[in-house]
Amino acid sequence: MNKILIFAKASEATLLIKKIYESFLNIGEFHIVYEDDEIKNSFEKENLHFYKINLFAYELYKNLYYKDLNKIIIIVKNKKEAEFI
């Protein structure tokens, strides 16, 4: 099973999560780190895991890196935040 970590802060992240929710849930497990509540909305499934964490708080989400991930997707508009992640 694919394990995918998504860092979502841009408004486009909501579109990606909606597409995953509608079409791709059966291909893996998705861990989504977000800051704004609008990103989570009403997406509730057993293989969607949401973590409301500041993207600069590495200590809070570093354990997610050890979940035997297949992919990491970063959807952040701020270049400094993206480089930090």
C-alpha atoms as a PDB file:
ATOM      1  CA  MET A   1       0.000   0.000   0.000  1.00  0.00           C
ATOM      2  CA  ASN A   2       1.276   3.468  -0.886  1.00  0.00           C
ATOM      3  CA  LYS A   3       1.869   5.888   1.967  1.00  0.00           C
ATOM      4  CA  ILE A   4       1.846   9.510   0.895  1.00  0.00           C
ATOM      5  CA  LEU A   5       2.632  12.570   3.021  1.00  0.00           C
ATOM      6  CA  ILE A   6       1.128  15.880   1.861  1.00  0.00           C
ATOM      7  CA  PHE A   7       2.065  19.292   3.232  1.00  0.00           C
ATOM      8  CA  ALA A   8      -0.904  21.496   2.369  1.00  0.00           C
ATOM      9  CA  LYS A   9      -1.029  25.230   2.846  1.00  0.00           C
ATOM     10  CA  ALA A  10      -2.046  26.704  -0.517  1.00  0.00           C
ATOM     11  CA  SER A  11      -5.653  26.934  -1.648  1.00  0.00           C
ATOM     12  CA  GLU A  12      -4.844  24.483  -4.445  1.00  0.00           C
ATOM     13  CA  ALA A  13      -4.257  21.828  -1.795  1.00  0.00           C
ATOM     14  CA  THR A  14      -8.011  21.636  -1.199  1.00  0.00           C
ATOM     15  CA  LEU A  15      -8.509  20.712  -4.850  1.00  0.00           C
ATOM     16  CA  LEU A  16      -5.915  17.949  -4.608  1.00  0.00           C
ATOM     17  CA  ILE A  17      -7.413  16.527  -1.420  1.00  0.00           C
ATOM     18  CA  LYS A  18     -10.889  16.604  -2.979  1.00  0.00           C
ATOM     19  CA  LYS A  19      -9.581  14.680  -6.018  1.00  0.00           C
ATOM     20  CA  ILE A  20      -7.879  12.122  -3.764  1.00  0.00           C
ATOM     21  CA  TYR A  21     -11.054  11.802  -1.682  1.00  0.00           C
ATOM     22  CA  GLU A  22     -13.212  11.206  -4.772  1.00  0.00           C
ATOM     23  CA  SER A  23     -10.937   8.996  -6.851  1.00  0.00           C
ATOM     24  CA  PHE A  24      -7.761   7.689  -5.272  1.00  0.00           C
ATOM     25  CA  LEU A  25      -8.511   6.590  -1.714  1.00  0.00           C
ATOM     26  CA  ASN A  26      -8.218   2.935  -2.608  1.00  0.00           C
ATOM     27  CA  ILE A  27      -4.559   3.229  -3.706  1.00  0.00           C
ATOM     28  CA  GLY A  28      -3.041   4.159  -0.375  1.00  0.00           C
ATOM     29  CA  GLU A  29      -2.853   5.900   2.930  1.00  0.00           C
ATOM     30  CA  PHE A  30      -2.625   9.692   2.966  1.00  0.00           C
ATOM     31  CA  HIS A  31      -1.132  11.759   5.807  1.00  0.00           C
ATOM     32  CA  ILE A  32      -1.946  15.456   5.412  1.00  0.00           C
ATOM     33  CA  VAL A  33      -0.226  18.196   7.411  1.00  0.00           C
ATOM     34  CA  TYR A  34      -2.176  21.458   7.260  1.00  0.00           C
ATOM     35  CA  GLU A  35      -2.572  24.801   9.048  1.00  0.00           C
ATOM     36  CA  ASP A  36      -5.888  26.234   7.814  1.00  0.00           C
ATOM     37  CA  ASP A  37      -9.151  24.522   8.723  1.00  0.00           C
ATOM     38  CA  GLU A  38     -10.552  25.119   5.229  1.00  0.00           C
ATOM     39  CA  ILE A  39      -8.192  22.453   3.886  1.00  0.00           C
ATOM     40  CA  LYS A  40      -9.631  19.684   6.039  1.00  0.00           C
ATOM     41  CA  ASN A  41     -13.291  20.584   5.385  1.00  0.00           C
ATOM     42  CA  SER A  42     -15.419  17.450   5.572  1.00  0.00           C
ATOM     43  CA  PHE A  43     -13.031  14.855   4.217  1.00  0.00           C
ATOM     44  CA  GLU A  44     -13.421  11.902   6.584  1.00  0.00           C
ATOM     45  CA  LYS A  45     -12.206   8.427   5.569  1.00  0.00           C
ATOM     46  CA  GLU A  46     -10.172   5.801   7.360  1.00  0.00           C
ATOM     47  CA  ASN A  47      -7.105   6.200   5.135  1.00  0.00           C
ATOM     48  CA  LEU A  48      -7.024  10.023   5.287  1.00  0.00           C
ATOM     49  CA  HIS A  49      -5.109  11.229   8.339  1.00  0.00           C
ATOM     50  CA  PHE A  50      -5.050  14.957   9.108  1.00  0.00           C
ATOM     51  CA  TYR A  51      -2.544  16.752  11.351  1.00  0.00           C
ATOM     52  CA  LYS A  52      -3.068  20.438  12.151  1.00  0.00           C
ATOM     53  CA  ILE A  53       0.531  21.567  12.647  1.00  0.00           C
ATOM     54  CA  ASN A  54       2.445  24.753  11.866  1.00  0.00           C
ATOM     55  CA  LEU A  55       4.720  23.924   8.928  1.00  0.00           C
ATOM     56  CA  PHE A  56       7.719  25.468  10.701  1.00  0.00           C
ATOM     57  CA  ALA A  57       7.214  23.166  13.719  1.00  0.00           C
ATOM     58  CA  TYR A  58       9.447  20.358  12.465  1.00  0.00           C
ATOM     59  CA  GLU A  59       9.598  18.650  15.866  1.00  0.00           C
ATOM     60  CA  LEU A  60       5.831  18.064  15.753  1.00  0.00           C
ATOM     61  CA  TYR A  61       5.713  16.337  12.372  1.00  0.00           C
ATOM     62  CA  LYS A  62       9.170  14.754  12.039  1.00  0.00           C
ATOM     63  CA  ASN A  63       7.786  11.353  13.145  1.00  0.00           C
ATOM     64  CA  LEU A  64       5.669  11.280   9.992  1.00  0.00           C
ATOM     65  CA  TYR A  65       8.882  10.954   7.963  1.00  0.00           C
ATOM     66  CA  TYR A  66       9.440   7.509   9.507  1.00  0.00           C
ATOM     67  CA  LYS A  67       6.163   5.954   8.302  1.00  0.00           C
ATOM     68  CA  ASP A  68       7.769   4.148   5.347  1.00  0.00           C
ATOM     69  CA  LEU A  69       6.533   6.783   2.880  1.00  0.00           C
ATOM     70  CA  ASN A  70       6.432   6.353  -0.871  1.00  0.00           C
ATOM     71  CA  LYS A  71       5.947  10.031  -1.745  1.00  0.00           C
ATOM     72  CA  ILE A  72       6.024  13.464  -0.173  1.00  0.00           C
ATOM     73  CA  ILE A  73       3.995  16.215  -1.820  1.00  0.00           C
ATOM     74  CA  ILE A  74       4.490  19.860  -0.841  1.00  0.00           C
ATOM     75  CA  ILE A  75       1.769  22.339  -1.808  1.00  0.00           C
ATOM     76  CA  VAL A  76       2.926  25.601  -0.274  1.00  0.00           C
ATOM     77  CA  LYS A  77       3.022  29.019  -1.937  1.00  0.00           C
ATOM     78  CA  ASN A  78       5.735  30.489   0.297  1.00  0.00           C
ATOM     79  CA  LYS A  79       9.143  29.465  -1.044  1.00  0.00           C
ATOM     80  CA  LYS A  80      10.860  29.692   2.367  1.00  0.00           C
ATOM     81  CA  GLU A  81       8.315  27.330   3.923  1.00  0.00           C
ATOM     82  CA  ALA A  82       8.676  24.871   1.060  1.00  0.00           C
ATOM     83  CA  GLU A  83      12.468  24.876   1.413  1.00  0.00           C
ATOM     84  CA  PHE A  84      12.187  24.383   5.173  1.00  0.00           C
ATOM     85  CA  ILE A  85       9.953  21.351   4.767  1.00  0.00           C
END
